[in-house]
Structures are given as C-alpha cells and as structure tokens.
C-alpha atoms as a PDB file:
ATOM      1  CA  MET A   1       0.000   0.000   0.000  1.00  0.00           C
ATOM      2  CA  VAL A   2       1.261   3.474  -0.856  1.00  0.00           C
ATOM      3  CA  ASN A   3       0.093   6.743   0.658  1.00  0.00           C
ATOM      4  CA  GLU A   4       1.571   9.878  -0.846  1.00  0.00           C
ATOM      5  CA  GLN A   5       1.521  13.320   0.785  1.00  0.00           C
ATOM      6  CA  ARG A   6       3.063  16.603  -0.288  1.00  0.00           C
ATOM      7  CA  ASP A   7       4.409  19.178   2.144  1.00  0.00           C
ATOM      8  CA  GLY A   8       5.551  22.017  -0.095  1.00  0.00           C
ATOM      9  CA  ARG A   9       8.267  20.496  -2.257  1.00  0.00           C
ATOM     10  CA  VAL A  10       8.680  17.475   0.055  1.00  0.00           C
ATOM     11  CA  HIS A  11       6.981  14.319  -1.192  1.00  0.00           C
ATOM     12  CA  ARG A  12       6.279  11.496   1.279  1.00  0.00           C
ATOM     13  CA  THR A  13       5.365   7.856   0.751  1.00  0.00           C
ATOM     14  CA  VAL A  14       4.417   4.955   3.016  1.00  0.00           C
ATOM     15  CA  HIS A  15       4.782   1.268   2.134  1.00  0.00           C
ATOM     16  CA  GLU A  16       3.716  -1.524   4.492  1.00  0.00           C
ATOM     17  CA  ALA A  17       3.659  -5.315   4.510  1.00  0.00           C
ATOM     18  CA  GLU A  18       2.898  -7.974   7.115  1.00  0.00           C
ATOM     19  CA  THR A  19       4.792 -11.214   7.543  1.00  0.00           C
ATOM     20  CA  ASP A  20       4.581 -14.379   9.635  1.00  0.00           C
ATOM     21  CA  ALA A  21       7.920 -13.859  11.349  1.00  0.00           C
ATOM     22  CA  PRO A  22       9.222 -12.554  14.699  1.00  0.00           C
ATOM     23  CA  ALA A  23       9.978  -8.827  14.715  1.00  0.00           C
ATOM     24  CA  ASP A  24      13.631  -9.392  15.661  1.00  0.00           C
ATOM     25  CA  VAL A  25      14.124 -11.630  12.622  1.00  0.00           C
ATOM     26  CA  VAL A  26      12.717  -8.967  10.304  1.00  0.00           C
ATOM     27  CA  TYR A  27      14.851  -6.264  11.921  1.00  0.00           C
ATOM     28  CA  ARG A  28      18.039  -8.302  11.494  1.00  0.00           C
ATOM     29  CA  LEU A  29      17.334  -8.682   7.783  1.00  0.00           C
ATOM     30  CA  ILE A  30      17.112  -4.921   7.234  1.00  0.00           C
ATOM     31  CA  ALA A  31      19.971  -4.110   9.621  1.00  0.00           C
ATOM     32  CA  ASP A  32      22.554  -6.324   7.869  1.00  0.00           C
ATOM     33  CA  THR A  33      23.266  -4.476   4.607  1.00  0.00           C
ATOM     34  CA  SER A  34      26.032  -6.934   3.673  1.00  0.00           C
ATOM     35  CA  ARG A  35      23.245  -9.303   2.559  1.00  0.00           C
ATOM     36  CA  TRP A  36      21.119  -6.660   0.825  1.00  0.00           C
ATOM     37  CA  PRO A  37      22.347  -7.502  -2.697  1.00  0.00           C
ATOM     38  CA  LEU A  38      21.202 -11.069  -2.014  1.00  0.00           C
ATOM     39  CA  TYR A  39      17.949 -10.231  -0.231  1.00  0.00           C
ATOM     40  CA  LEU A  40      16.711  -6.985  -1.849  1.00  0.00           C
ATOM     41  CA  PRO A  41      15.920  -7.359  -5.577  1.00  0.00           C
ATOM     42  CA  PRO A  42      16.883  -3.790  -6.664  1.00  0.00           C
ATOM     43  CA  ASN A  43      20.132  -3.710  -4.645  1.00  0.00           C
ATOM     44  CA  VAL A  44      23.347  -4.515  -6.516  1.00  0.00           C
ATOM     45  CA  GLN A  45      26.152  -3.660  -4.085  1.00  0.00           C
ATOM     46  CA  VAL A  46      26.749  -2.058  -0.684  1.00  0.00           C
ATOM     47  CA  GLU A  47      30.126  -0.786   0.508  1.00  0.00           C
ATOM     48  CA  GLN A  48      30.405   0.204   4.169  1.00  0.00           C
ATOM     49  CA  LEU A  49      32.479   3.400   4.345  1.00  0.00           C
ATOM     50  CA  GLU A  50      32.245   4.040   8.095  1.00  0.00           C
ATOM     51  CA  SER A  51      30.686   2.393  11.153  1.00  0.00           C
ATOM     52  CA  THR A  52      30.587   3.975  14.606  1.00  0.00           C
ATOM     53  CA  GLY A  53      28.253   2.601  17.249  1.00  0.00           C
ATOM     54  CA  ASP A  54      24.766   2.622  15.766  1.00  0.00           C
ATOM     55  CA  THR A  55      25.675   4.939  12.858  1.00  0.00           C
ATOM     56  CA  GLU A  56      27.091   3.888   9.502  1.00  0.00           C
ATOM     57  CA  ARG A  57      27.849   5.428   6.115  1.00  0.00           C
ATOM     58  CA  LEU A  58      27.249   3.356   2.998  1.00  0.00           C
ATOM     59  CA  ARG A  59      27.949   3.591  -0.719  1.00  0.00           C
ATOM     60  CA  MET A  60      25.153   1.828  -2.551  1.00  0.00           C
ATOM     61  CA  TRP A  61      24.327   0.764  -6.107  1.00  0.00           C
ATOM     62  CA  ALA A  62      20.793  -0.245  -7.100  1.00  0.00           C
ATOM     63  CA  THR A  63      18.489  -0.378 -10.089  1.00  0.00           C
ATOM     64  CA  ALA A  64      15.753   2.256 -10.437  1.00  0.00           C
ATOM     65  CA  ASN A  65      13.330   2.255 -13.359  1.00  0.00           C
ATOM     66  CA  GLY A  66      15.740   0.144 -15.375  1.00  0.00           C
ATOM     67  CA  GLN A  67      18.765   2.345 -14.647  1.00  0.00           C
ATOM     68  CA  VAL A  68      21.676   1.727 -12.275  1.00  0.00           C
ATOM     69  CA  LYS A  69      21.962   4.483  -9.668  1.00  0.00           C
ATOM     70  CA  SER A  70      24.582   5.050  -6.968  1.00  0.00           C
ATOM     71  CA  TRP A  71      24.551   7.194  -3.832  1.00  0.00           C
ATOM     72  CA  THR A  72      26.039   7.604  -0.353  1.00  0.00           C
ATOM     73  CA  SER A  73      23.781   7.217   2.678  1.00  0.00           C
ATOM     74  CA  ARG A  74      24.024   7.595   6.441  1.00  0.00           C
ATOM     75  CA  ARG A  75      21.985   5.207   8.613  1.00  0.00           C
ATOM     76  CA  VAL A  76      21.157   5.363  12.332  1.00  0.00           C
ATOM     77  CA  LEU A  77      20.123   2.017  13.803  1.00  0.00           C
ATOM     78  CA  ASP A  78      17.919   1.587  16.871  1.00  0.00           C
ATOM     79  CA  PRO A  79      17.638  -2.157  17.580  1.00  0.00           C
ATOM     80  CA  VAL A  80      15.551  -1.603  20.723  1.00  0.00           C
ATOM     81  CA  ALA A  81      12.830   0.320  18.876  1.00  0.00           C
ATOM     82  CA  ARG A  82      13.506  -1.718  15.715  1.00  0.00           C
ATOM     83  CA  ARG A  83      13.857   1.445  13.635  1.00  0.00           C
ATOM     84  CA  ILE A  84      16.497   2.455  11.091  1.00  0.00           C
ATOM     85  CA  GLU A  85      16.616   6.030   9.835  1.00  0.00           C
ATOM     86  CA  PHE A  86      18.483   6.777   6.614  1.00  0.00           C
ATOM     87  CA  ARG A  87      19.408   9.919   4.711  1.00  0.00           C
ATOM     88  CA  GLN A  88      21.251  10.094   1.413  1.00  0.00           C
ATOM     89  CA  GLU A  89      24.248  12.424   1.667  1.00  0.00           C
ATOM     90  CA  VAL A  90      25.027  12.338  -2.055  1.00  0.00           C
ATOM     91  CA  PRO A  91      21.808  11.447  -3.901  1.00  0.00           C
ATOM     92  CA  ALA A  92      21.604  10.325  -7.513  1.00  0.00           C
ATOM     93  CA  ALA A  93      19.893  12.608 -10.029  1.00  0.00           C
ATOM     94  CA  PRO A  94      17.083  13.589 -10.392  1.00  0.00           C
ATOM     95  CA  VAL A  95      16.780  13.358  -6.587  1.00  0.00           C
ATOM     96  CA  GLU A  96      17.794  16.465  -4.664  1.00  0.00           C
ATOM     97  CA  THR A  97      17.180  15.090  -1.148  1.00  0.00           C
ATOM     98  CA  VAL A  98      15.862  11.741   0.046  1.00  0.00           C
ATOM     99  CA  GLY A  99      15.596   9.889   3.320  1.00  0.00           C
ATOM    100  CA  GLY A 100      13.265   7.794   5.371  1.00  0.00           C
ATOM    101  CA  THR A 101      12.762   5.165   8.041  1.00  0.00           C
ATOM    102  CA  TRP A 102      12.445   1.389   8.306  1.00  0.00           C
ATOM    103  CA  ILE A 103      10.095   0.407  11.151  1.00  0.00           C
ATOM    104  CA  VAL A 104       9.401  -3.117  12.402  1.00  0.00           C
ATOM    105  CA  THR A 105       6.278  -3.429  14.590  1.00  0.00           C
ATOM    106  CA  GLU A 106       5.601  -6.587  16.574  1.00  0.00           C
ATOM    107  CA  LEU A 107       2.053  -7.818  15.983  1.00  0.00           C
ATOM    108  CA  GLY A 108       2.537 -11.062  17.887  1.00  0.00           C
ATOM    109  CA  PRO A 109       5.229 -13.666  18.683  1.00  0.00           C
ATOM    110  CA  GLU A 110       5.310 -14.799  15.052  1.00  0.00           C
ATOM    111  CA  ARG A 111       3.749 -11.808  13.257  1.00  0.00           C
ATOM    112  CA  SER A 112       5.259  -8.455  12.267  1.00  0.00           C
ATOM    113  CA  LEU A 113       4.490  -5.318  10.300  1.00  0.00           C
ATOM    114  CA  LEU A 114       7.292  -3.847   8.192  1.00  0.00           C
ATOM    115  CA  THR A 115       6.888  -0.167   7.285  1.00  0.00           C
ATOM    116  CA  LEU A 116       9.104   1.814   4.917  1.00  0.00           C
ATOM    117  CA  LEU A 117       8.789   5.612   4.884  1.00  0.00           C
ATOM    118  CA  HIS A 118      10.346   7.903   2.263  1.00  0.00           C
ATOM    119  CA  ASP A 119      10.558  11.656   1.853  1.00  0.00           C
ATOM    120  CA  PHE A 120      12.188  13.283  -1.145  1.00  0.00           C
ATOM    121  CA  THR A 121      12.580  16.447  -3.195  1.00  0.00           C
ATOM    122  CA  VAL A 122      13.705  17.049  -6.764  1.00  0.00           C
ATOM    123  CA  ALA A 123      15.223  20.197  -8.262  1.00  0.00           C
ATOM    124  CA  ASP A 124      12.575  22.807  -9.154  1.00  0.00           C
ATOM    125  CA  ASP A 125       9.906  20.197  -8.278  1.00  0.00           C
ATOM    126  CA  ARG A 126       9.673  19.235 -11.944  1.00  0.00           C
ATOM    127  CA  ARG A 127       6.598  17.055 -12.433  1.00  0.00           C
ATOM    128  CA  GLU A 128       8.319  14.566 -14.758  1.00  0.00           C
ATOM    129  CA  ASP A 129      11.144  14.094 -12.246  1.00  0.00           C
ATOM    130  CA  VAL A 130       8.731  13.720  -9.329  1.00  0.00           C
ATOM    131  CA  GLU A 131       6.835  11.041 -11.234  1.00  0.00           C
ATOM    132  CA  TRP A 132      10.085   9.247 -12.103  1.00  0.00           C
ATOM    133  CA  VAL A 133      11.132   9.153  -8.428  1.00  0.00           C
ATOM    134  CA  GLU A 134       7.648   8.137  -7.269  1.00  0.00           C
ATOM    135  CA  ARG A 135       7.659   5.250  -9.713  1.00  0.00           C
ATOM    136  CA  ALA A 136      11.159   4.134  -8.661  1.00  0.00           C
ATOM    137  CA  ILE A 137      10.349   4.297  -4.942  1.00  0.00           C
ATOM    138  CA  ASP A 138       7.055   2.476  -5.392  1.00  0.00           C
ATOM    139  CA  THR A 139       8.501  -0.294  -7.582  1.00  0.00           C
ATOM    140  CA  ASN A 140      11.592  -0.828  -5.447  1.00  0.00           C
ATOM    141  CA  SER A 141       9.787  -0.586  -2.101  1.00  0.00           C
ATOM    142  CA  ARG A 142       7.190  -3.153  -3.132  1.00  0.00           C
ATOM    143  CA  ALA A 143       9.933  -5.516  -4.337  1.00  0.00           C
ATOM    144  CA  GLU A 144      12.025  -5.012  -1.192  1.00  0.00           C
ATOM    145  CA  LEU A 145       9.190  -5.448   1.294  1.00  0.00           C
ATOM    146  CA  GLY A 146       7.747  -8.386  -0.596  1.00  0.00           C
ATOM    147  CA  ASN A 147      11.035 -10.266  -0.681  1.00  0.00           C
ATOM    148  CA  LEU A 148      12.017  -9.387   2.889  1.00  0.00           C
ATOM    149  CA  CYS A 149       8.663 -10.586   4.202  1.00  0.00           C
ATOM    150  CA  ALA A 150       8.900 -13.825   2.220  1.00  0.00           C
ATOM    151  CA  LEU A 151      12.442 -14.476   3.470  1.00  0.00           C
ATOM    152  CA  ALA A 152      11.475 -13.645   7.043  1.00  0.00           C
ATOM    153  CA  ALA A 153       8.443 -15.932   6.911  1.00  0.00           C
ATOM    154  CA  GLY A 154      10.743 -18.805   5.920  1.00  0.00           C
ATOM    155  CA  TRP A 155      13.563 -17.762   8.221  1.00  0.00           C
ATOM    156  CA  ALA A 156      13.810 -21.171   9.891  1.00  0.00           C
ATOM    157  CA  ARG A 157      14.917 -22.704   6.568  1.00  0.00           C
ATOM    158  CA  LEU A 158      16.674 -19.681   5.097  1.00  0.00           C
ATOM    159  CA  ASP A 159      20.178 -20.987   5.837  1.00  0.00           C
ATOM    160  CA  GLU A 160      19.349 -24.171   3.911  1.00  0.00           C
ATOM    161  CA  ARG A 161      18.323 -22.110   0.874  1.00  0.00           C
ATOM    162  CA  VAL A 162      21.475 -19.958   0.851  1.00  0.00           C
ATOM    163  CA  VAL A 163      24.521 -21.387  -0.930  1.00  0.00           C
ATOM    164  CA  VAL A 164      27.863 -19.574  -0.532  1.00  0.00           C
ATOM    165  CA  PHE A 165      31.129 -20.877  -1.958  1.00  0.00           C
ATOM    166  CA  GLU A 166      34.298 -19.799  -3.735  1.00  0.00           C
ATOM    167  CA  ASP A 167      36.968 -21.212  -6.045  1.00  0.00           C
ATOM    168  CA  SER A 168      40.515 -19.936  -6.509  1.00  0.00           C
ATOM    169  CA  VAL A 169      43.503 -20.429  -8.790  1.00  0.00           C
ATOM    170  CA  HIS A 170      47.147 -19.477  -8.396  1.00  0.00           C
ATOM    171  CA  VAL A 171      48.481 -17.267 -11.181  1.00  0.00           C
ATOM    172  CA  ASP A 172      52.091 -16.437 -11.995  1.00  0.00           C
ATOM    173  CA  GLY A 173      51.412 -13.394 -14.110  1.00  0.00           C
ATOM    174  CA  PRO A 174      50.603  -9.670 -13.987  1.00  0.00           C
ATOM    175  CA  ALA A 175      47.626  -8.748 -11.810  1.00  0.00           C
ATOM    176  CA  GLU A 176      46.536  -6.110 -14.328  1.00  0.00           C
ATOM    177  CA  ARG A 177      46.396  -8.768 -17.029  1.00  0.00           C
ATOM    178  CA  VAL A 178      44.088 -10.973 -14.915  1.00  0.00           C
ATOM    179  CA  TYR A 179      41.855  -8.040 -14.081  1.00  0.00           C
ATOM    180  CA  ASP A 180      41.674  -7.033 -17.736  1.00  0.00           C
ATOM    181  CA  PHE A 181      40.482 -10.521 -18.668  1.00  0.00           C
ATOM    182  CA  LEU A 182      37.721 -10.389 -16.063  1.00  0.00           C
ATOM    183  CA  HIS A 183      36.808  -6.768 -16.831  1.00  0.00           C
ATOM    184  CA  ARG A 184      36.572  -7.216 -20.615  1.00  0.00           C
ATOM    185  CA  ALA A 185      33.523  -9.448 -20.434  1.00  0.00           C
ATOM    186  CA  ASP A 186      32.528  -8.186 -23.877  1.00  0.00           C
ATOM    187  CA  LEU A 187      35.334 -10.426 -25.229  1.00  0.00           C
ATOM    188  CA  TRP A 188      34.249 -13.549 -23.333  1.00  0.00           C
ATOM    189  CA  PRO A 189      32.449 -15.164 -26.304  1.00  0.00           C
ATOM    190  CA  GLU A 190      35.858 -15.213 -28.053  1.00  0.00           C
ATOM    191  CA  ARG A 191      37.767 -16.291 -24.945  1.00  0.00           C
ATOM    192  CA  LEU A 192      35.453 -18.666 -23.051  1.00  0.00           C
ATOM    193  CA  PRO A 193      33.990 -21.818 -24.649  1.00  0.00           C
ATOM    194  CA  HIS A 194      30.927 -21.854 -22.372  1.00  0.00           C
ATOM    195  CA  VAL A 195      29.840 -18.300 -23.318  1.00  0.00           C
ATOM    196  CA  ASP A 196      27.821 -18.235 -26.555  1.00  0.00           C
ATOM    197  CA  ARG A 197      26.749 -14.584 -26.543  1.00  0.00           C
ATOM    198  CA  LEU A 198      27.322 -11.516 -24.417  1.00  0.00           C
ATOM    199  CA  GLU A 199      25.963  -7.999 -24.815  1.00  0.00           C
ATOM    200  CA  LEU A 200      27.531  -5.348 -22.576  1.00  0.00           C
ATOM    201  CA  THR A 201      26.925  -1.642 -22.034  1.00  0.00           C
ATOM    202  CA  GLU A 202      28.949   0.661 -19.785  1.00  0.00           C
ATOM    203  CA  ASP A 203      27.230   4.059 -19.780  1.00  0.00           C
ATOM    204  CA  GLU A 204      29.009   4.993 -16.556  1.00  0.00           C
ATOM    205  CA  PRO A 205      32.674   3.985 -16.131  1.00  0.00           C
ATOM    206  CA  GLY A 206      32.913   0.946 -13.917  1.00  0.00           C
ATOM    207  CA  VAL A 207      29.207   0.056 -14.036  1.00  0.00           C
ATOM    208  CA  GLN A 208      28.477  -2.665 -16.587  1.00  0.00           C
ATOM    209  CA  VAL A 209      25.097  -4.065 -17.604  1.00  0.00           C
ATOM    210  CA  MET A 210      25.240  -7.323 -19.519  1.00  0.00           C
ATOM    211  CA  THR A 211      23.133 -10.112 -20.981  1.00  0.00           C
ATOM    212  CA  MET A 212      24.911 -13.452 -21.376  1.00  0.00           C
ATOM    213  CA  ASP A 213      24.080 -16.835 -22.900  1.00  0.00           C
ATOM    214  CA  THR A 214      26.047 -19.655 -21.262  1.00  0.00           C
ATOM    215  CA  ARG A 215      26.145 -23.378 -21.917  1.00  0.00           C
ATOM    216  CA  THR A 216      26.305 -26.008 -19.188  1.00  0.00           C
ATOM    217  CA  ALA A 217      27.965 -29.434 -19.258  1.00  0.00           C
ATOM    218  CA  ASP A 218      24.763 -31.153 -20.407  1.00  0.00           C
ATOM    219  CA  GLY A 219      24.527 -28.797 -23.380  1.00  0.00           C
ATOM    220  CA  SER A 220      21.597 -26.737 -22.107  1.00  0.00           C
ATOM    221  CA  ALA A 221      21.755 -22.966 -22.542  1.00  0.00           C
ATOM    222  CA  HIS A 222      20.846 -20.303 -19.990  1.00  0.00           C
ATOM    223  CA  THR A 223      20.374 -16.567 -20.435  1.00  0.00           C
ATOM    224  CA  THR A 224      21.217 -14.319 -17.506  1.00  0.00           C
ATOM    225  CA  GLU A 225      21.218 -10.566 -17.026  1.00  0.00           C
ATOM    226  CA  SER A 226      23.666  -8.937 -14.638  1.00  0.00           C
ATOM    227  CA  VAL A 227      24.908  -5.634 -13.296  1.00  0.00           C
ATOM    228  CA  ARG A 228      28.613  -5.472 -12.497  1.00  0.00           C
ATOM    229  CA  VAL A 229      30.416  -2.809 -10.446  1.00  0.00           C
ATOM    230  CA  CYS A 230      34.148  -2.706 -11.162  1.00  0.00           C
ATOM    231  CA  PHE A 231      36.820  -1.505  -8.730  1.00  0.00           C
ATOM    232  CA  PRO A 232      40.076  -1.376 -10.744  1.00  0.00           C
ATOM    233  CA  GLU A 233      42.024   0.214  -7.897  1.00  0.00           C
ATOM    234  CA  ASP A 234      41.143  -2.790  -5.735  1.00  0.00           C
ATOM    235  CA  LEU A 235      41.325  -5.375  -8.559  1.00  0.00           C
ATOM    236  CA  ARG A 236      37.775  -6.456  -7.706  1.00  0.00           C
ATOM    237  CA  ILE A 237      34.506  -6.867  -9.631  1.00  0.00           C
ATOM    238  CA  VAL A 238      31.173  -7.480  -7.899  1.00  0.00           C
ATOM    239  CA  TYR A 239      28.019  -8.467  -9.724  1.00  0.00           C
ATOM    240  CA  LYS A 240      24.364  -9.287  -9.277  1.00  0.00           C
ATOM    241  CA  GLN A 241      22.225 -11.272 -11.665  1.00  0.00           C
ATOM    242  CA  THR A 242      19.046  -9.289 -12.279  1.00  0.00           C
ATOM    243  CA  ALA A 243      17.507 -12.161 -14.253  1.00  0.00           C
ATOM    244  CA  THR A 244      18.259 -15.622 -12.887  1.00  0.00           C
ATOM    245  CA  PRO A 245      17.412 -19.224 -13.803  1.00  0.00           C
ATOM    246  CA  ALA A 246      14.197 -20.546 -12.232  1.00  0.00           C
ATOM    247  CA  LEU A 247      16.105 -22.488  -9.577  1.00  0.00           C
ATOM    248  CA  MET A 248      17.416 -19.274  -7.987  1.00  0.00           C
ATOM    249  CA  THR A 249      15.681 -16.246  -6.526  1.00  0.00           C
ATOM    250  CA  ALA A 250      18.994 -14.359  -6.240  1.00  0.00           C
ATOM    251  CA  HIS A 251      22.625 -14.745  -7.315  1.00  0.00           C
ATOM    252  CA  THR A 252      25.501 -12.393  -6.466  1.00  0.00           C
ATOM    253  CA  GLY A 253      29.230 -12.806  -6.840  1.00  0.00           C
ATOM    254  CA  CYS A 254      32.662 -11.259  -6.734  1.00  0.00           C
ATOM    255  CA  TRP A 255      35.955 -11.638  -8.631  1.00  0.00           C
ATOM    256  CA  THR A 256      39.104 -10.703  -6.693  1.00  0.00           C
ATOM    257  CA  VAL A 257      42.795 -10.621  -7.567  1.00  0.00           C
ATOM    258  CA  ARG A 258      45.136 -10.671  -4.549  1.00  0.00           C
ATOM    259  CA  PRO A 259      48.851 -11.237  -3.874  1.00  0.00           C
ATOM    260  CA  ALA A 260      49.494 -14.836  -2.829  1.00  0.00           C
ATOM    261  CA  ASP A 261      51.687 -15.953   0.043  1.00  0.00           C
ATOM    262  CA  GLY A 262      55.041 -16.934  -1.414  1.00  0.00           C
ATOM    263  CA  GLY A 263      54.564 -14.949  -4.621  1.00  0.00           C
ATOM    264  CA  GLY A 264      52.194 -14.818  -7.528  1.00  0.00           C
ATOM    265  CA  LEU A 265      48.477 -14.147  -7.299  1.00  0.00           C
ATOM    266  CA  THR A 266      45.363 -15.762  -5.891  1.00  0.00           C
ATOM    267  CA  VAL A 267      42.367 -15.153  -8.154  1.00  0.00           C
ATOM    268  CA  THR A 268      39.027 -15.991  -6.579  1.00  0.00           C
ATOM    269  CA  SER A 269      35.448 -16.331  -7.774  1.00  0.00           C
ATOM    270  CA  GLN A 270      32.883 -16.107  -4.969  1.00  0.00           C
ATOM    271  CA  HIS A 271      29.166 -16.940  -5.357  1.00  0.00           C
ATOM    272  CA  SER A 272      26.141 -16.385  -3.104  1.00  0.00           C
ATOM    273  CA  VAL A 273      22.785 -17.865  -4.120  1.00  0.00           C
ATOM    274  CA  VAL A 274      19.285 -18.044  -2.662  1.00  0.00           C
ATOM    275  CA  LEU A 275      17.509 -21.144  -3.947  1.00  0.00           C
ATOM    276  CA  CYS A 276      13.835 -21.127  -4.900  1.00  0.00           C
ATOM    277  CA  GLU A 277      12.655 -24.182  -2.977  1.00  0.00           C
ATOM    278  CA  GLU A 278       9.344 -24.336  -4.842  1.00  0.00           C
ATOM    279  CA  ALA A 279      11.174 -24.606  -8.196  1.00  0.00           C
ATOM    280  CA  VAL A 280      13.562 -27.427  -7.280  1.00  0.00           C
ATOM    281  CA  GLU A 281      11.552 -30.380  -8.620  1.00  0.00           C
ATOM    282  CA  GLY A 282      10.410 -28.473 -11.706  1.00  0.00           C
ATOM    283  CA  ALA A 283      13.973 -27.532 -12.558  1.00  0.00           C
ATOM    284  CA  LEU A 284      15.808 -30.716 -11.552  1.00  0.00           C
ATOM    285  CA  GLY A 285      13.181 -33.477 -11.545  1.00  0.00           C
ATOM    286  CA  ALA A 286      10.752 -35.209  -9.213  1.00  0.00           C
ATOM    287  CA  GLY A 287      12.172 -36.318  -5.889  1.00  0.00           C
ATOM    288  CA  VAL A 288      15.116 -33.887  -5.906  1.00  0.00           C
ATOM    289  CA  ASP A 289      15.470 -32.301  -2.472  1.00  0.00           C
ATOM    290  CA  LEU A 290      17.053 -29.051  -1.307  1.00  0.00           C
ATOM    291  CA  ALA A 291      20.378 -30.699  -0.413  1.00  0.00           C
ATOM    292  CA  GLN A 292      20.672 -32.112  -3.949  1.00  0.00           C
ATOM    293  CA  ALA A 293      19.745 -28.711  -5.388  1.00  0.00           C
ATOM    294  CA  ARG A 294      22.521 -27.098  -3.332  1.00  0.00           C
ATOM    295  CA  ARG A 295      25.065 -29.547  -4.760  1.00  0.00           C
ATOM    296  CA  HIS A 296      23.753 -29.019  -8.287  1.00  0.00           C
ATOM    297  CA  VAL A 297      24.065 -25.232  -8.071  1.00  0.00           C
ATOM    298  CA  ARG A 298      27.511 -25.451  -6.508  1.00  0.00           C
ATOM    299  CA  GLU A 299      28.736 -27.769  -9.267  1.00  0.00           C
ATOM    300  CA  ALA A 300      27.119 -25.907 -12.166  1.00  0.00           C
ATOM    301  CA  LEU A 301      28.221 -22.430 -11.135  1.00  0.00           C
ATOM    302  CA  GLY A 302      31.604 -23.649  -9.980  1.00  0.00           C
ATOM    303  CA  ARG A 303      32.214 -25.413 -13.294  1.00  0.00           C
ATOM    304  CA  ASN A 304      31.668 -22.265 -15.372  1.00  0.00           C
ATOM    305  CA  SER A 305      33.441 -19.848 -13.034  1.00  0.00           C
ATOM    306  CA  GLY A 306      36.270 -22.368 -12.691  1.00  0.00           C
ATOM    307  CA  ALA A 307      36.621 -22.397 -16.476  1.00  0.00           C
ATOM    308  CA  THR A 308      36.776 -18.593 -16.449  1.00  0.00           C
ATOM    309  CA  LEU A 309      39.472 -18.678 -13.767  1.00  0.00           C
ATOM    310  CA  HIS A 310      41.471 -21.225 -15.790  1.00  0.00           C
ATOM    311  CA  HIS A 311      41.343 -19.108 -18.955  1.00  0.00           C
ATOM    312  CA  ALA A 312      42.211 -15.930 -17.007  1.00  0.00           C
ATOM    313  CA  LYS A 313      45.244 -17.772 -15.618  1.00  0.00           C
ATOM    314  CA  GLN A 314      46.346 -18.831 -19.115  1.00  0.00           C
ATOM    315  CA  PHE A 315      45.820 -15.308 -20.424  1.00  0.00           C
ATOM    316  CA  ALA A 316      47.960 -13.722 -17.700  1.00  0.00           C
ATOM    317  CA  GLU A 317      50.694 -16.343 -17.671  1.00  0.00           C
ATOM    318  CA  SER A 318      51.096 -16.313 -21.450  1.00  0.00           C
ATOM    319  CA  ALA A 319      51.834 -12.583 -21.203  1.00  0.00           C
ATOM    320  CA  ALA A 320      54.399 -13.224 -18.482  1.00  0.00           C
ATOM    321  CA  LEU A 321      56.153 -15.883 -20.596  1.00  0.00           C
ATOM    322  CA  SER A 322      56.308 -13.637 -23.653  1.00  0.00           C
ATOM    323  CA  ARG A 323      58.220 -10.869 -21.868  1.00  0.00           C
END
C-alpha cells in the first residue's frame, strides 16, 4: 500500500507489509546491509564506508526504473525500537534530497508489520522528475518489502536455501592482465567456450550491464542478465544477476585478484545464491530435495566460473612468458 503526501516540495510515501515472522528476525534482515544484494531485488552492491556505534555510512548501487543508480547514505540504527533512519548524503539525479525510516512493529510472537517511509525532493519540483522518483520508490519498495517478508516468513529454513562458496587459482602473471580478462567481459564469447553470446553496455565507467548466454555441461543454454560494479584500484569486480534461472531467486558474486603468500596471485570467484525451494523439482526433476539442489548449483556455477578462472590464468601467464 502506498500513501503519498506533499508538504511544499517534500513528497512522502508509506509502504507496508505484514509477515509471519518474529519482529527481531525482520529487523536483522534490514539491519545487515552486507546481505542486501542477495535479499533486496533492486540492490546490486553495498560498501560500508564508516561504522561507529549505531551509525554507519554506505555507498550503494541499485536499479531504479531500469537504470543503475549510486549514492552515499548515512543510517542510524535503533535495535531496541527496531527502527532504522536513513538519509542520502550524495543522492543520484534527479533526486535532490531523500531519506526515510524502516520500522518493524511486533504484531505477535510470530507476526510483524514492516513499514518503509520515504521523503524526497527534486530540483525545481519538476513534475516529470517527481513522477520518475515516485515510480522508482514504489517499484523498489514493493519488491524489497515483498522479498524481505517472504524471506522472514521462511527464516527457519533460510540458511538451507542460501549457498555460498568460492573457487581460486594461483596465477604467476601480472595482476593487471588478470583483471583485464575479467573486466573485458565483452570479449568472453571469443575467450570462453561456455559463453555463446554476451551484450555489454557501460554508460558509466565501472558500471556494466550485460546479458549473457552460457552453456552447461549437459549442453543446455541459460540466459542471464547482470549488473557489475568494477573496482580497478582494488582489482575487484562485484556483480548481481538481475535475471536468474528458475532455480534461484537471487545470485551475487565477486571476482578478486590478490597477492598470494610466497609470490604470484590468488584469483578468486565467490558466489552467493538463494535457492527457490518451490522450483527445485520443476527444474531438476521429481524427488530432488534441497540438499541435492545445493550440490547441483555449486557444481554448475563452480564449473563455469572455474573455467573462467582457468582461462584468465592462461591469459595472464602467457603474457608473463612472452616478456
């Protein structure tokens, strides 16, 4: 439900949703922003810049009306009242100011109300910009509250649905060469045998939007859409799939290039996945349980990312040998 009020140039919205979950469980989900890319559909990446007591500053990337936006926010957490106030310090255009509050209200031992308040202004109060922001807030808030409430309602089995793993290779080659291989995903169809097609746009430096067709070991093809945020100074690329296979409700990951003990590099691919329990049998066959689905996802994703790591290693080490 959305209620919109206007106080001069300040526009206010209210979104609410109920869930069959304890209030403390719901609060923990919204307090832990490290899991937001996995739990909140519009959220791509969160970087914690500062944390002091109950106050933190965050750099965030998220989709809004089909665009990738980035901003810096300050949050004040009150775990006793189960409230989190936020205010963007550096908003993304067309927003001039924006802030709000997350509120978790206990309705019973296993029932909670999650409320999300927003207030915002845009430059000159232009109607087209106000409508753009209203649409983005409404779409994202509904998606966030809906997913948070669903996750909270199944909190007792949430750990079983989350799959986190990583694979690494040792590379004796230039770090910049490895990073270039991972960054130039537009060249992956030429460089990686399991990638059939890849379309990539980079309207803002370091923020890549891509659609990729990959082939698995059994010959089946999958199309995924992702947003990647690249950190060349840190030799790191984080990504979130914005369109996933039916077996997953969310998939995030990270590529890192780090110095290895004893010399050389350690290049790592990390994955985090939330499985869609209801889709397991439809995707993998009758009688397949959640444990088997976890192994399947680990093997399938690990196989393709392992192949990428192997080819990145060859790419970097061939350059080192040619010098």
